[in-house]
N, C-alpha and C. Protein backbone atom coordinates (compact mmCIF):
# COMPACT_ATOMS: atom_id res chain seq x y z
N MET A 1 -11.60 10.16 -18.57
CA MET A 1 -10.24 9.95 -18.11
C MET A 1 -9.67 8.64 -18.64
N LYS A 2 -10.55 7.65 -18.78
CA LYS A 2 -10.12 6.34 -19.27
C LYS A 2 -9.45 6.48 -20.63
N GLU A 3 -10.04 7.28 -21.51
CA GLU A 3 -9.49 7.46 -22.85
C GLU A 3 -8.13 8.16 -22.82
N LEU A 4 -7.98 9.11 -21.91
CA LEU A 4 -6.72 9.83 -21.77
C LEU A 4 -5.59 8.88 -21.35
N VAL A 5 -5.85 8.06 -20.35
CA VAL A 5 -4.84 7.11 -19.87
C VAL A 5 -4.51 6.10 -20.97
N GLU A 6 -5.54 5.63 -21.68
CA GLU A 6 -5.32 4.68 -22.78
C GLU A 6 -4.44 5.28 -23.86
N MET A 7 -4.72 6.53 -24.24
CA MET A 7 -3.95 7.19 -25.29
C MET A 7 -2.49 7.36 -24.89
N ILE A 8 -2.25 7.79 -23.66
CA ILE A 8 -0.88 7.98 -23.18
C ILE A 8 -0.13 6.65 -23.15
N ALA A 9 -0.78 5.62 -22.60
CA ALA A 9 -0.13 4.31 -22.47
C ALA A 9 0.17 3.70 -23.84
N ARG A 10 -0.77 3.80 -24.78
CA ARG A 10 -0.55 3.24 -26.12
C ARG A 10 0.62 3.91 -26.83
N ALA A 11 0.84 5.18 -26.55
CA ALA A 11 1.95 5.91 -27.16
C ALA A 11 3.30 5.47 -26.59
N LEU A 12 3.31 4.92 -25.39
CA LEU A 12 4.56 4.57 -24.72
C LEU A 12 5.04 3.14 -24.99
N VAL A 13 4.11 2.21 -25.25
CA VAL A 13 4.44 0.79 -25.27
C VAL A 13 4.72 0.26 -26.68
N ASP A 14 5.32 -0.94 -26.72
CA ASP A 14 5.59 -1.62 -27.99
C ASP A 14 4.39 -2.43 -28.45
N HIS A 15 3.52 -2.83 -27.53
CA HIS A 15 2.35 -3.65 -27.84
C HIS A 15 1.08 -2.89 -27.44
N PRO A 16 0.68 -1.89 -28.24
CA PRO A 16 -0.48 -1.07 -27.85
C PRO A 16 -1.79 -1.84 -27.82
N GLU A 17 -1.86 -2.96 -28.52
CA GLU A 17 -3.10 -3.74 -28.54
C GLU A 17 -3.36 -4.43 -27.19
N GLU A 18 -2.33 -4.53 -26.34
CA GLU A 18 -2.49 -5.18 -25.04
C GLU A 18 -2.78 -4.20 -23.90
N VAL A 19 -2.93 -2.93 -24.22
CA VAL A 19 -3.25 -1.93 -23.20
C VAL A 19 -4.74 -2.01 -22.88
N VAL A 20 -5.03 -2.18 -21.59
CA VAL A 20 -6.42 -2.25 -21.12
C VAL A 20 -6.55 -1.34 -19.92
N VAL A 21 -7.59 -0.51 -19.93
CA VAL A 21 -7.86 0.38 -18.80
C VAL A 21 -9.27 0.08 -18.30
N ASN A 22 -9.37 -0.27 -17.02
CA ASN A 22 -10.66 -0.52 -16.37
C ASN A 22 -10.97 0.64 -15.44
N GLU A 23 -12.20 1.12 -15.51
CA GLU A 23 -12.61 2.27 -14.70
C GLU A 23 -13.72 1.85 -13.74
N THR A 24 -13.53 2.15 -12.47
CA THR A 24 -14.57 1.89 -11.47
C THR A 24 -14.78 3.16 -10.66
N LEU A 25 -16.00 3.35 -10.21
CA LEU A 25 -16.34 4.52 -9.42
C LEU A 25 -16.72 4.08 -8.01
N LYS A 26 -15.98 4.57 -7.02
CA LYS A 26 -16.25 4.28 -5.62
C LYS A 26 -16.40 5.60 -4.90
N ASP A 27 -17.54 5.78 -4.26
CA ASP A 27 -17.87 7.04 -3.60
C ASP A 27 -17.75 8.16 -4.63
N ASP A 28 -16.87 9.11 -4.41
CA ASP A 28 -16.66 10.17 -5.40
C ASP A 28 -15.24 10.11 -5.97
N THR A 29 -14.67 8.90 -6.01
CA THR A 29 -13.32 8.68 -6.52
C THR A 29 -13.37 7.74 -7.72
N VAL A 30 -12.64 8.10 -8.75
CA VAL A 30 -12.53 7.26 -9.94
C VAL A 30 -11.24 6.45 -9.83
N HIS A 31 -11.36 5.13 -9.88
CA HIS A 31 -10.20 4.24 -9.85
C HIS A 31 -9.96 3.72 -11.25
N LEU A 32 -8.75 3.93 -11.76
CA LEU A 32 -8.37 3.43 -13.08
C LEU A 32 -7.30 2.38 -12.91
N GLU A 33 -7.49 1.21 -13.51
CA GLU A 33 -6.48 0.15 -13.50
C GLU A 33 -5.91 0.04 -14.90
N LEU A 34 -4.62 0.26 -15.02
CA LEU A 34 -3.93 0.20 -16.30
C LEU A 34 -3.18 -1.13 -16.38
N LYS A 35 -3.50 -1.91 -17.40
CA LYS A 35 -2.82 -3.19 -17.62
C LYS A 35 -2.09 -3.12 -18.95
N VAL A 36 -0.81 -3.52 -18.93
CA VAL A 36 0.00 -3.56 -20.15
C VAL A 36 0.72 -4.91 -20.20
N ALA A 37 1.33 -5.20 -21.32
CA ALA A 37 2.09 -6.44 -21.45
C ALA A 37 3.28 -6.40 -20.48
N GLU A 38 3.68 -7.58 -20.02
CA GLU A 38 4.80 -7.65 -19.06
C GLU A 38 6.06 -6.99 -19.61
N SER A 39 6.31 -7.16 -20.91
CA SER A 39 7.51 -6.59 -21.51
C SER A 39 7.46 -5.07 -21.58
N ASP A 40 6.27 -4.49 -21.50
CA ASP A 40 6.12 -3.03 -21.57
C ASP A 40 6.01 -2.36 -20.21
N MET A 41 6.00 -3.14 -19.15
CA MET A 41 5.80 -2.59 -17.81
C MET A 41 6.85 -1.53 -17.47
N GLY A 42 8.09 -1.78 -17.80
CA GLY A 42 9.16 -0.82 -17.50
C GLY A 42 8.99 0.50 -18.24
N LYS A 43 8.42 0.44 -19.44
CA LYS A 43 8.22 1.66 -20.21
C LYS A 43 7.13 2.53 -19.63
N VAL A 44 6.15 1.91 -19.02
CA VAL A 44 5.05 2.67 -18.42
C VAL A 44 5.45 3.22 -17.05
N ILE A 45 6.27 2.47 -16.32
CA ILE A 45 6.70 2.92 -14.99
C ILE A 45 7.87 3.90 -15.09
N GLY A 46 8.86 3.60 -15.92
CA GLY A 46 10.00 4.47 -16.08
C GLY A 46 11.00 4.34 -14.95
N LYS A 47 12.15 4.98 -15.12
CA LYS A 47 13.18 4.94 -14.09
C LYS A 47 12.67 5.63 -12.84
N GLN A 48 12.75 4.92 -11.73
CA GLN A 48 12.33 5.40 -10.41
C GLN A 48 10.88 5.90 -10.42
N GLY A 49 10.07 5.35 -11.34
CA GLY A 49 8.65 5.68 -11.37
C GLY A 49 8.32 7.03 -11.97
N ARG A 50 9.24 7.61 -12.72
CA ARG A 50 9.02 8.96 -13.25
C ARG A 50 7.88 9.02 -14.27
N ILE A 51 7.82 8.05 -15.17
CA ILE A 51 6.76 8.05 -16.19
C ILE A 51 5.40 7.86 -15.52
N ALA A 52 5.31 6.90 -14.59
CA ALA A 52 4.05 6.65 -13.88
C ALA A 52 3.62 7.90 -13.11
N ARG A 53 4.54 8.57 -12.49
CA ARG A 53 4.23 9.80 -11.74
C ARG A 53 3.73 10.89 -12.69
N ALA A 54 4.35 10.97 -13.87
CA ALA A 54 3.93 11.98 -14.85
C ALA A 54 2.53 11.69 -15.37
N ILE A 55 2.23 10.42 -15.62
CA ILE A 55 0.88 10.05 -16.07
C ILE A 55 -0.14 10.42 -15.00
N ARG A 56 0.16 10.10 -13.75
CA ARG A 56 -0.76 10.42 -12.66
C ARG A 56 -0.97 11.93 -12.53
N THR A 57 0.10 12.70 -12.71
CA THR A 57 0.00 14.16 -12.62
C THR A 57 -0.90 14.73 -13.72
N VAL A 58 -0.73 14.25 -14.94
CA VAL A 58 -1.53 14.73 -16.06
C VAL A 58 -3.01 14.40 -15.84
N VAL A 59 -3.28 13.17 -15.41
CA VAL A 59 -4.66 12.75 -15.21
C VAL A 59 -5.30 13.49 -14.04
N LYS A 60 -4.55 13.71 -12.98
CA LYS A 60 -5.10 14.47 -11.84
C LYS A 60 -5.41 15.90 -12.26
N ALA A 61 -4.54 16.49 -13.07
CA ALA A 61 -4.79 17.85 -13.54
C ALA A 61 -6.04 17.90 -14.41
N ALA A 62 -6.23 16.92 -15.25
CA ALA A 62 -7.43 16.86 -16.09
C ALA A 62 -8.67 16.64 -15.22
N GLY A 63 -8.54 15.86 -14.16
CA GLY A 63 -9.65 15.60 -13.27
C GLY A 63 -10.06 16.80 -12.44
N MET A 64 -9.14 17.73 -12.24
CA MET A 64 -9.46 18.93 -11.47
C MET A 64 -10.52 19.78 -12.18
N LYS A 65 -10.56 19.71 -13.51
CA LYS A 65 -11.56 20.47 -14.26
C LYS A 65 -12.97 19.98 -13.94
N THR A 66 -13.10 18.69 -13.71
CA THR A 66 -14.42 18.11 -13.46
C THR A 66 -14.63 17.80 -11.97
N ASP A 67 -13.72 18.26 -11.13
CA ASP A 67 -13.78 18.02 -9.67
C ASP A 67 -13.86 16.54 -9.33
N GLU A 68 -13.05 15.73 -10.01
CA GLU A 68 -12.99 14.30 -9.75
C GLU A 68 -11.66 13.96 -9.10
N LYS A 69 -11.69 13.07 -8.13
CA LYS A 69 -10.45 12.53 -7.56
C LYS A 69 -10.17 11.24 -8.33
N ILE A 70 -8.97 11.11 -8.87
CA ILE A 70 -8.64 9.97 -9.72
C ILE A 70 -7.41 9.27 -9.17
N ILE A 71 -7.52 7.94 -9.09
CA ILE A 71 -6.42 7.09 -8.63
C ILE A 71 -6.09 6.13 -9.75
N ILE A 72 -4.81 6.05 -10.11
CA ILE A 72 -4.38 5.13 -11.17
C ILE A 72 -3.51 4.03 -10.57
N ASP A 73 -3.87 2.80 -10.85
CA ASP A 73 -3.08 1.63 -10.44
C ASP A 73 -2.54 0.98 -11.70
N ILE A 74 -1.24 0.71 -11.71
CA ILE A 74 -0.63 0.04 -12.85
C ILE A 74 -0.46 -1.43 -12.46
N ILE A 75 -1.09 -2.30 -13.22
CA ILE A 75 -1.08 -3.73 -12.90
C ILE A 75 -0.26 -4.47 -13.94
């Protein structure tokens, strides 16, 4: 899942070299922290959070194949 989030985020931002995704596993939940440059934050979140919601939807759908619960935090 980490690679999927990284690929999506790098496609959206102006500074793809500053995209960092940290993955931690707690219980049976995967927590992903997405960090981008301050100037790219709006591009990842989108108007009224639409882009962020779409990223979360895609990743949750991919996680359903492997029966993983995935939480994405944008930092």
